[in-house]
N, C-alpha and C. Protein backbone atom coordinates (compact mmCIF):
# COMPACT_ATOMS: atom_id res chain seq x y z
N MET A 1 4.73 -5.65 23.69
CA MET A 1 3.87 -4.75 23.72
C MET A 1 2.84 -4.86 22.51
N SER A 2 3.53 -5.56 21.26
CA SER A 2 2.70 -5.28 19.97
C SER A 2 1.54 -6.62 20.15
N THR A 3 0.52 -6.66 19.42
CA THR A 3 -0.16 -7.62 19.28
C THR A 3 0.06 -8.36 17.96
N GLU A 4 -0.71 -9.52 18.11
CA GLU A 4 -0.63 -10.59 16.96
C GLU A 4 -0.89 -10.19 15.75
N LEU A 5 -0.29 -10.38 14.42
CA LEU A 5 -0.33 -9.82 13.22
C LEU A 5 -1.26 -10.61 12.24
N ASN A 6 -2.28 -10.40 11.88
CA ASN A 6 -2.83 -11.40 10.92
C ASN A 6 -2.97 -10.45 9.45
N ILE A 7 -1.92 -11.06 8.94
CA ILE A 7 -1.68 -10.10 7.34
C ILE A 7 -3.04 -10.64 6.46
N GLU A 8 -3.61 -12.01 6.75
CA GLU A 8 -4.59 -12.19 5.70
C GLU A 8 -6.00 -11.60 6.25
N LYS A 9 -5.98 -10.99 7.43
CA LYS A 9 -7.14 -10.30 7.71
C LYS A 9 -6.86 -8.80 7.05
N LEU A 10 -5.56 -8.42 7.14
CA LEU A 10 -5.56 -7.18 6.58
C LEU A 10 -5.48 -7.17 5.05
N LYS A 11 -5.38 -8.28 4.36
CA LYS A 11 -5.62 -8.42 3.07
C LYS A 11 -6.92 -8.29 2.43
N LEU A 12 -7.79 -8.81 3.21
CA LEU A 12 -9.10 -8.89 2.81
C LEU A 12 -9.74 -7.18 3.38
N GLN A 13 -9.44 -6.70 4.29
CA GLN A 13 -9.33 -5.32 4.49
C GLN A 13 -9.21 -4.51 3.53
N PHE A 14 -7.88 -4.69 2.87
CA PHE A 14 -7.63 -3.95 1.88
C PHE A 14 -8.23 -4.23 0.55
N ALA A 15 -8.36 -5.47 0.28
CA ALA A 15 -9.31 -5.74 -0.87
C ALA A 15 -10.66 -5.26 -0.87
N GLU A 16 -11.36 -5.20 0.17
CA GLU A 16 -12.55 -4.52 0.15
C GLU A 16 -12.68 -3.03 0.15
N TYR A 17 -11.31 -2.51 0.59
CA TYR A 17 -11.20 -1.10 0.51
C TYR A 17 -11.05 -0.80 -1.08
N LEU A 18 -10.36 -1.66 -1.64
CA LEU A 18 -9.77 -1.26 -3.00
C LEU A 18 -11.02 -1.41 -3.77
N LYS A 19 -11.77 -2.29 -3.65
CA LYS A 19 -13.19 -2.47 -4.43
C LYS A 19 -14.00 -1.26 -4.17
N ARG A 20 -14.18 -1.25 -2.98
CA ARG A 20 -15.29 0.01 -2.69
C ARG A 20 -14.98 1.15 -3.19
N LYS A 21 -13.53 1.63 -3.29
CA LYS A 21 -12.88 2.51 -3.90
C LYS A 21 -12.77 2.77 -5.33
N LYS A 22 -12.95 1.64 -5.97
CA LYS A 22 -12.97 1.18 -7.24
C LYS A 22 -11.27 1.51 -7.85
N TYR A 23 -10.28 1.10 -7.00
CA TYR A 23 -9.21 1.04 -7.38
C TYR A 23 -8.70 -0.28 -7.92
N ARG A 24 -7.85 -0.34 -8.64
CA ARG A 24 -7.15 -1.58 -9.13
C ARG A 24 -6.65 -2.44 -8.28
N ASN A 25 -6.80 -3.75 -8.13
CA ASN A 25 -6.24 -4.84 -7.54
C ASN A 25 -5.47 -5.51 -7.94
N THR A 26 -4.14 -5.43 -7.46
CA THR A 26 -2.99 -5.82 -8.25
C THR A 26 -2.35 -6.36 -6.88
N GLN A 27 -1.53 -7.49 -7.76
CA GLN A 27 -0.47 -8.39 -6.65
C GLN A 27 0.54 -7.67 -6.05
N GLU A 28 1.09 -6.53 -6.93
CA GLU A 28 2.22 -5.64 -6.13
C GLU A 28 1.54 -4.91 -5.02
N ARG A 29 0.53 -4.46 -4.90
CA ARG A 29 -0.12 -3.68 -3.70
C ARG A 29 0.02 -4.73 -2.56
N TYR A 30 -0.37 -6.18 -2.59
CA TYR A 30 -0.23 -7.15 -1.75
C TYR A 30 1.31 -7.41 -1.32
N ASN A 31 1.75 -7.69 -2.26
CA ASN A 31 3.27 -7.44 -1.89
C ASN A 31 3.94 -6.64 -1.12
N VAL A 32 3.52 -5.43 -1.31
CA VAL A 32 3.89 -4.40 -0.22
C VAL A 32 3.30 -4.63 0.88
N LEU A 33 2.22 -5.06 1.16
CA LEU A 33 1.54 -5.33 2.56
C LEU A 33 2.37 -6.50 3.22
N ASP A 34 2.56 -7.64 2.18
CA ASP A 34 3.38 -8.78 2.86
C ASP A 34 4.58 -8.36 3.66
N ARG A 35 5.29 -7.40 2.72
CA ARG A 35 6.70 -7.06 3.14
C ARG A 35 6.53 -6.36 4.41
N ILE A 36 5.66 -5.19 4.60
CA ILE A 36 5.44 -4.30 5.40
C ILE A 36 5.09 -5.40 6.82
N GLY A 37 4.50 -6.62 6.90
CA GLY A 37 4.21 -7.30 7.87
C GLY A 37 5.55 -7.96 8.31
N GLU A 38 6.34 -8.01 7.44
CA GLU A 38 7.57 -8.61 8.04
C GLU A 38 8.66 -7.53 9.01
N LEU A 39 8.18 -6.29 8.79
CA LEU A 39 8.68 -5.23 9.54
C LEU A 39 8.23 -5.07 10.93
N ASP A 40 8.97 -4.95 12.02
CA ASP A 40 8.51 -4.95 13.35
C ASP A 40 9.03 -3.38 13.85
N ARG A 41 9.02 -2.35 13.17
CA ARG A 41 9.40 -1.42 13.15
C ARG A 41 8.69 -0.05 12.39
N HIS A 42 9.10 1.27 12.44
CA HIS A 42 8.60 2.31 12.00
C HIS A 42 9.32 2.26 10.71
N PHE A 43 9.03 2.67 9.41
CA PHE A 43 9.66 2.72 8.51
C PHE A 43 9.12 3.89 7.15
N ASN A 44 10.03 4.24 6.50
CA ASN A 44 9.47 5.08 5.56
C ASN A 44 9.61 4.59 4.07
N ALA A 45 9.11 5.19 3.03
CA ALA A 45 8.92 4.55 1.75
C ALA A 45 10.25 4.09 1.29
N ASP A 46 11.05 4.92 1.29
CA ASP A 46 12.68 4.49 0.74
C ASP A 46 13.03 3.20 1.42
N GLU A 47 13.17 3.42 2.74
CA GLU A 47 13.58 2.26 3.35
C GLU A 47 12.54 0.87 3.02
N LEU A 48 11.73 1.05 2.82
CA LEU A 48 10.77 0.05 2.27
C LEU A 48 11.28 -0.43 0.72
N TYR A 49 11.35 0.46 0.06
CA TYR A 49 11.72 0.32 -1.46
C TYR A 49 13.13 -0.61 -1.13
N LEU A 50 14.06 0.12 -0.69
CA LEU A 50 15.41 -0.91 -0.34
C LEU A 50 15.25 -2.29 0.16
N TYR A 51 14.13 -2.29 1.29
CA TYR A 51 14.25 -3.62 1.85
C TYR A 51 13.13 -4.64 0.68
N MET A 52 12.31 -4.17 0.04
CA MET A 52 11.90 -5.22 -0.97
C MET A 52 12.68 -5.57 -2.17
N ASN A 53 13.47 -4.37 -2.53
CA ASN A 53 14.34 -4.81 -3.88
C ASN A 53 15.58 -5.60 -3.15
N GLY A 54 16.22 -5.49 -2.03
CA GLY A 54 16.77 -6.29 -1.55
C GLY A 54 16.66 -7.68 -1.19
N ARG A 55 15.23 -8.05 -1.40
CA ARG A 55 14.48 -9.28 -1.19
C ARG A 55 14.39 -10.00 -2.62
N GLY A 56 14.59 -9.55 -3.73
CA GLY A 56 14.36 -9.64 -4.78
C GLY A 56 13.03 -9.27 -5.70
N ASP A 57 12.29 -8.39 -4.78
CA ASP A 57 11.35 -7.89 -5.47
C ASP A 57 11.41 -6.75 -6.46
N ARG A 58 10.79 -6.82 -7.30
CA ARG A 58 10.76 -5.64 -8.57
C ARG A 58 9.69 -5.10 -8.48
N ILE A 59 9.82 -3.73 -7.94
CA ILE A 59 8.64 -2.75 -7.77
C ILE A 59 9.33 -1.46 -7.87
N SER A 60 8.47 -0.38 -8.46
CA SER A 60 8.77 0.83 -8.52
C SER A 60 8.53 1.64 -7.08
N ARG A 61 9.50 2.70 -7.05
CA ARG A 61 9.04 3.44 -5.85
C ARG A 61 7.64 4.22 -5.87
N ALA A 62 7.14 4.59 -7.02
CA ALA A 62 5.53 5.11 -7.48
C ALA A 62 4.91 4.11 -6.80
N THR A 63 4.85 2.83 -7.22
CA THR A 63 3.85 1.68 -6.66
C THR A 63 3.77 1.76 -4.97
N ILE A 64 5.17 1.63 -4.79
CA ILE A 64 5.53 1.61 -3.18
C ILE A 64 4.79 2.74 -2.50
N TYR A 65 5.07 4.03 -2.92
CA TYR A 65 4.31 5.50 -2.48
C TYR A 65 2.71 5.44 -2.49
N SER A 66 2.24 4.92 -3.64
CA SER A 66 0.79 5.09 -4.07
C SER A 66 0.25 4.14 -3.10
N THR A 67 0.71 2.74 -2.79
CA THR A 67 0.30 1.95 -1.77
C THR A 67 0.26 2.38 -0.61
N LEU A 68 1.61 2.61 -0.19
CA LEU A 68 1.27 3.09 1.15
C LEU A 68 0.08 4.50 1.28
N ASP A 69 -0.15 5.24 0.59
CA ASP A 69 -1.15 6.12 0.71
C ASP A 69 -2.66 5.48 0.99
N LEU A 70 -2.72 4.19 0.00
CA LEU A 70 -3.93 3.75 0.11
C LEU A 70 -4.10 3.01 1.52
N LEU A 71 -3.07 2.22 1.68
CA LEU A 71 -3.13 1.67 3.04
C LEU A 71 -3.07 2.32 4.31
N THR A 72 -2.91 3.73 4.16
CA THR A 72 -3.04 4.57 5.34
C THR A 72 -4.68 5.23 4.96
N GLN A 73 -5.07 5.33 4.04
CA GLN A 73 -6.47 5.53 3.76
C GLN A 73 -7.35 4.82 4.29
N CYS A 74 -6.98 3.43 4.16
CA CYS A 74 -7.93 2.56 4.92
C CYS A 74 -7.61 1.96 6.04
N GLY A 75 -6.99 2.57 6.86
CA GLY A 75 -6.63 2.50 8.16
C GLY A 75 -5.68 1.32 8.72
N ILE A 76 -4.93 0.82 7.52
CA ILE A 76 -4.07 -0.46 7.76
C ILE A 76 -2.88 0.32 8.25
N LEU A 77 -2.39 1.50 7.74
CA LEU A 77 -1.24 2.18 8.37
C LEU A 77 -1.70 3.34 9.05
N MET A 78 -0.54 3.55 9.83
CA MET A 78 -0.58 4.81 10.43
C MET A 78 0.39 5.68 9.93
N LYS A 79 0.42 6.80 9.72
CA LYS A 79 1.30 7.91 9.25
C LYS A 79 2.07 8.85 10.19
N HIS A 80 3.01 8.95 10.35
CA HIS A 80 3.61 9.85 11.26
C HIS A 80 4.69 10.70 10.90
N ARG A 81 4.85 11.94 11.11
CA ARG A 81 6.10 12.89 10.91
C ARG A 81 6.69 12.94 12.34
N PHE A 82 7.82 12.58 12.25
CA PHE A 82 8.35 12.31 13.52
C PHE A 82 9.53 13.70 13.60
N GLN A 83 10.66 13.46 12.79
CA GLN A 83 11.56 14.71 12.43
C GLN A 83 12.10 14.44 10.92
N GLY A 84 12.59 15.47 10.40
CA GLY A 84 13.16 15.35 9.13
C GLY A 84 11.89 15.47 8.11
N ASP A 85 12.13 15.18 6.80
CA ASP A 85 11.06 15.44 5.78
C ASP A 85 10.20 14.29 5.54
N SER A 86 10.70 13.04 5.62
CA SER A 86 10.04 11.99 5.02
C SER A 86 9.04 11.43 6.43
N ALA A 87 7.94 10.82 5.80
CA ALA A 87 6.77 10.22 6.68
C ALA A 87 6.94 8.77 7.12
N HIS A 88 6.82 8.46 8.29
CA HIS A 88 7.24 7.19 8.85
C HIS A 88 5.73 6.59 8.83
N PHE A 89 5.87 4.94 8.89
CA PHE A 89 4.60 4.38 8.68
C PHE A 89 4.69 3.20 9.51
N GLU A 90 3.73 2.72 10.37
CA GLU A 90 3.64 1.62 10.97
C GLU A 90 2.30 0.88 10.84
N LEU A 91 2.11 -0.38 11.18
CA LEU A 91 0.93 -0.96 10.90
C LEU A 91 -0.18 -0.77 12.20
N SER A 92 -1.49 -0.19 12.12
CA SER A 92 -2.09 0.10 12.90
C SER A 92 -2.59 -0.81 13.89
N SER A 93 -2.46 -1.93 13.36
CA SER A 93 -3.15 -3.35 14.16
C SER A 93 -1.93 -3.65 15.09
N ARG A 94 -0.79 -3.16 15.11
CA ARG A 94 0.44 -3.89 15.83
C ARG A 94 0.30 -3.45 17.21
N MET A 95 -0.04 -1.89 17.20
CA MET A 95 -0.36 -1.76 18.98
C MET A 95 -0.71 -0.57 18.60
N PRO A 96 -2.36 -0.76 18.97
CA PRO A 96 -3.11 0.50 18.77
C PRO A 96 -3.26 1.58 19.66
N ASP A 97 -3.65 2.70 19.78
CA ASP A 97 -3.60 3.74 20.65
C ASP A 97 -2.26 3.86 21.42
N HIS A 98 -1.12 4.27 20.95
CA HIS A 98 0.11 4.08 21.54
C HIS A 98 0.47 5.60 21.07
N ASP A 99 1.59 6.14 21.90
CA ASP A 99 2.12 7.15 21.39
C ASP A 99 3.72 7.30 21.59
N HIS A 100 4.45 8.22 21.08
CA HIS A 100 6.05 8.12 20.89
C HIS A 100 6.44 9.33 21.45
N LEU A 101 7.70 8.88 22.08
CA LEU A 101 8.75 9.89 22.55
C LEU A 101 10.05 9.38 21.58
N ILE A 102 10.48 10.61 21.03
CA ILE A 102 11.34 10.56 20.23
C ILE A 102 12.60 11.80 20.73
N CYS A 103 13.86 11.00 20.66
CA CYS A 103 14.84 11.97 20.84
C CYS A 103 15.25 12.74 19.75
N MET A 104 15.32 14.23 19.94
CA MET A 104 15.80 14.94 18.94
C MET A 104 17.53 14.78 18.49
N GLU A 105 18.10 14.17 19.35
CA GLU A 105 19.55 13.82 19.20
C GLU A 105 20.21 12.63 18.35
N CYS A 106 19.51 11.73 18.77
CA CYS A 106 19.86 10.17 18.37
C CYS A 106 18.78 9.93 17.50
N GLY A 107 17.48 10.34 17.35
CA GLY A 107 16.65 9.77 16.61
C GLY A 107 15.66 8.69 17.15
N ARG A 108 16.09 8.10 18.26
CA ARG A 108 15.63 7.00 18.66
C ARG A 108 14.10 7.12 19.06
N ILE A 109 13.18 6.23 18.55
CA ILE A 109 11.56 6.08 18.85
C ILE A 109 11.18 5.24 20.13
N VAL A 110 10.61 5.83 21.04
CA VAL A 110 10.24 4.75 21.92
C VAL A 110 8.41 4.94 21.87
N GLU A 111 7.81 3.40 22.13
CA GLU A 111 6.36 3.43 22.04
C GLU A 111 6.21 3.35 23.26
N TYR A 112 5.02 3.72 23.78
CA TYR A 112 4.43 3.44 25.06
C TYR A 112 3.01 3.60 25.13
N ARG A 113 2.19 3.48 26.13
CA ARG A 113 0.75 3.46 26.44
C ARG A 113 0.95 4.12 27.58
N GLU A 114 0.16 5.11 27.86
CA GLU A 114 -0.14 5.80 29.15
C GLU A 114 -1.49 6.32 29.44
N GLU A 115 -1.98 5.34 30.24
CA GLU A 115 -3.62 5.71 30.72
C GLU A 115 -3.99 6.93 30.82
N GLY A 116 -3.17 7.95 31.57
CA GLY A 116 -3.73 9.32 31.74
C GLY A 116 -4.25 9.96 30.18
N ILE A 117 -3.37 9.72 29.17
CA ILE A 117 -3.51 10.32 27.98
C ILE A 117 -5.00 9.73 27.68
N ASP A 118 -5.29 8.70 27.75
CA ASP A 118 -6.79 8.22 27.35
C ASP A 118 -7.87 8.87 27.93
N GLU A 119 -7.48 9.27 29.09
CA GLU A 119 -8.57 10.17 29.74
C GLU A 119 -8.76 11.59 29.58
N ILE A 120 -7.56 12.21 29.20
CA ILE A 120 -7.70 13.52 28.74
C ILE A 120 -8.06 13.73 27.28
N ARG A 121 -7.73 12.75 26.31
CA ARG A 121 -8.25 12.42 25.01
C ARG A 121 -9.89 12.51 24.98
N ASP A 122 -10.17 11.57 26.05
CA ASP A 122 -11.85 11.55 26.24
C ASP A 122 -12.47 12.99 26.74
N ARG A 123 -12.09 13.37 27.74
CA ARG A 123 -12.34 14.49 28.26
C ARG A 123 -12.42 15.72 27.13
N VAL A 124 -11.47 15.64 26.33
CA VAL A 124 -11.18 16.72 25.50
C VAL A 124 -12.28 16.62 24.58
N CYS A 125 -12.41 15.34 23.92
CA CYS A 125 -13.70 15.08 22.61
C CYS A 125 -14.97 15.43 23.53
N ASP A 126 -15.15 14.85 24.77
CA ASP A 126 -16.36 15.20 25.03
C ASP A 126 -16.73 16.66 25.56
N ARG A 127 -15.78 17.50 25.88
CA ARG A 127 -16.07 18.90 25.99
C ARG A 127 -16.24 19.42 24.73
N LEU A 128 -15.57 19.04 23.65
CA LEU A 128 -15.89 19.70 22.20
C LEU A 128 -16.79 18.96 21.25
N GLY A 129 -17.58 18.19 21.82
CA GLY A 129 -18.53 17.44 21.26
C GLY A 129 -18.30 16.48 20.19
N PHE A 130 -16.89 15.72 20.44
CA PHE A 130 -16.29 14.74 19.39
C PHE A 130 -16.81 13.31 20.08
N ARG A 131 -16.37 12.32 19.35
CA ARG A 131 -16.21 11.00 19.81
C ARG A 131 -14.94 10.63 19.48
N PRO A 132 -13.95 10.36 20.41
CA PRO A 132 -12.54 9.94 20.07
C PRO A 132 -12.75 8.42 19.34
N VAL A 133 -11.97 8.22 18.05
CA VAL A 133 -11.48 7.22 17.27
C VAL A 133 -10.27 6.55 17.72
N THR A 134 -9.01 7.46 17.55
CA THR A 134 -7.70 7.03 17.77
C THR A 134 -6.99 8.16 18.15
N HIS A 135 -5.76 8.20 18.43
CA HIS A 135 -5.05 9.22 18.68
C HIS A 135 -3.49 8.94 18.57
N SER A 136 -2.68 9.84 18.47
CA SER A 136 -1.36 9.67 18.36
C SER A 136 -0.46 11.17 19.09
N LEU A 137 -0.18 10.76 20.10
CA LEU A 137 0.79 11.94 20.61
C LEU A 137 2.20 11.72 20.41
N GLN A 138 3.30 13.08 20.42
CA GLN A 138 4.45 12.63 19.83
C GLN A 138 5.11 13.79 20.86
N ILE A 139 6.01 13.15 21.85
CA ILE A 139 6.95 13.88 22.57
C ILE A 139 8.16 14.03 22.16
N PHE A 140 8.79 15.07 21.80
CA PHE A 140 10.21 15.31 21.25
C PHE A 140 11.03 15.78 22.73
N ALA A 141 11.97 14.90 22.81
CA ALA A 141 12.90 15.00 23.95
C ALA A 141 14.28 14.93 23.55
N VAL A 142 15.27 14.94 24.52
CA VAL A 142 16.48 14.29 24.39
C VAL A 142 16.97 13.46 25.48
N CYS A 143 17.95 12.34 25.30
CA CYS A 143 18.27 11.52 26.04
C CYS A 143 18.74 12.17 27.21
N HIS A 144 19.15 11.46 28.34
CA HIS A 144 19.84 12.03 29.33
C HIS A 144 21.24 12.32 29.31
N ASP A 145 22.18 11.59 28.36
CA ASP A 145 23.17 11.76 28.18
C ASP A 145 23.45 11.56 26.71
N PRO A 146 23.21 12.44 25.51
CA PRO A 146 23.28 12.15 24.20
C PRO A 146 24.69 11.88 23.84
N VAL A 147 25.72 12.29 24.51
CA VAL A 147 27.15 11.81 24.21
C VAL A 147 27.13 10.34 24.10
N THR A 148 26.88 10.01 25.03
CA THR A 148 26.97 8.38 25.44
C THR A 148 25.68 7.36 25.11
N CYS A 149 24.94 8.02 24.29
CA CYS A 149 23.86 7.13 24.10
C CYS A 149 24.09 6.26 23.07
N GLU A 150 23.94 4.93 23.09
CA GLU A 150 24.20 3.62 22.44
C GLU A 150 23.04 4.07 21.20
N HIS A 151 22.19 4.86 20.84
CA HIS A 151 21.51 4.91 19.88
C HIS A 151 21.71 6.23 18.87
N ASN A 152 22.72 6.80 19.47
CA ASN A 152 23.11 8.04 18.54
C ASN A 152 23.69 7.79 17.30
N LYS A 153 23.34 8.36 16.22
CA LYS A 153 23.88 7.93 14.97
C LYS A 153 24.62 8.77 14.16
N GLN A 154 25.42 9.72 15.14
CA GLN A 154 26.45 10.46 14.76
C GLN A 154 27.77 9.70 14.80
N ASP A 155 28.85 10.19 13.78
CA ASP A 155 29.89 9.43 13.21
C ASP A 155 31.01 10.31 14.23
């Protein structure tokens, strides 16, 4: 379901954004983007911090948090609030205009596309005088059998 990732194209998009907004263009910010490109899942800032430091990158949490904000502002990342307090991120280009089904018991996130949702989005925007750009729908549900669910994180 995911599209091919072109990290160099994303770096150019990021560089243009940083220049246009007059932010510093630092190697640490590009290292964050490189590591995000290695992840094929949703992640939060702390997970990215542990991932990067586990691979020998010397980077502060503050740099990760600020870079995630910049990458979200320029459209490279999508920011989601599924469950809990921390925001989760994913690359916008991996699977544009998709939605999420989140199990409230085990925390599993299933990504999907459903044509009917696009039609509803378009109809609502048209009726209210908007032009759709993108969307994100989150459905919170429970697995059919939470007790035997292989994704259940309870010990």
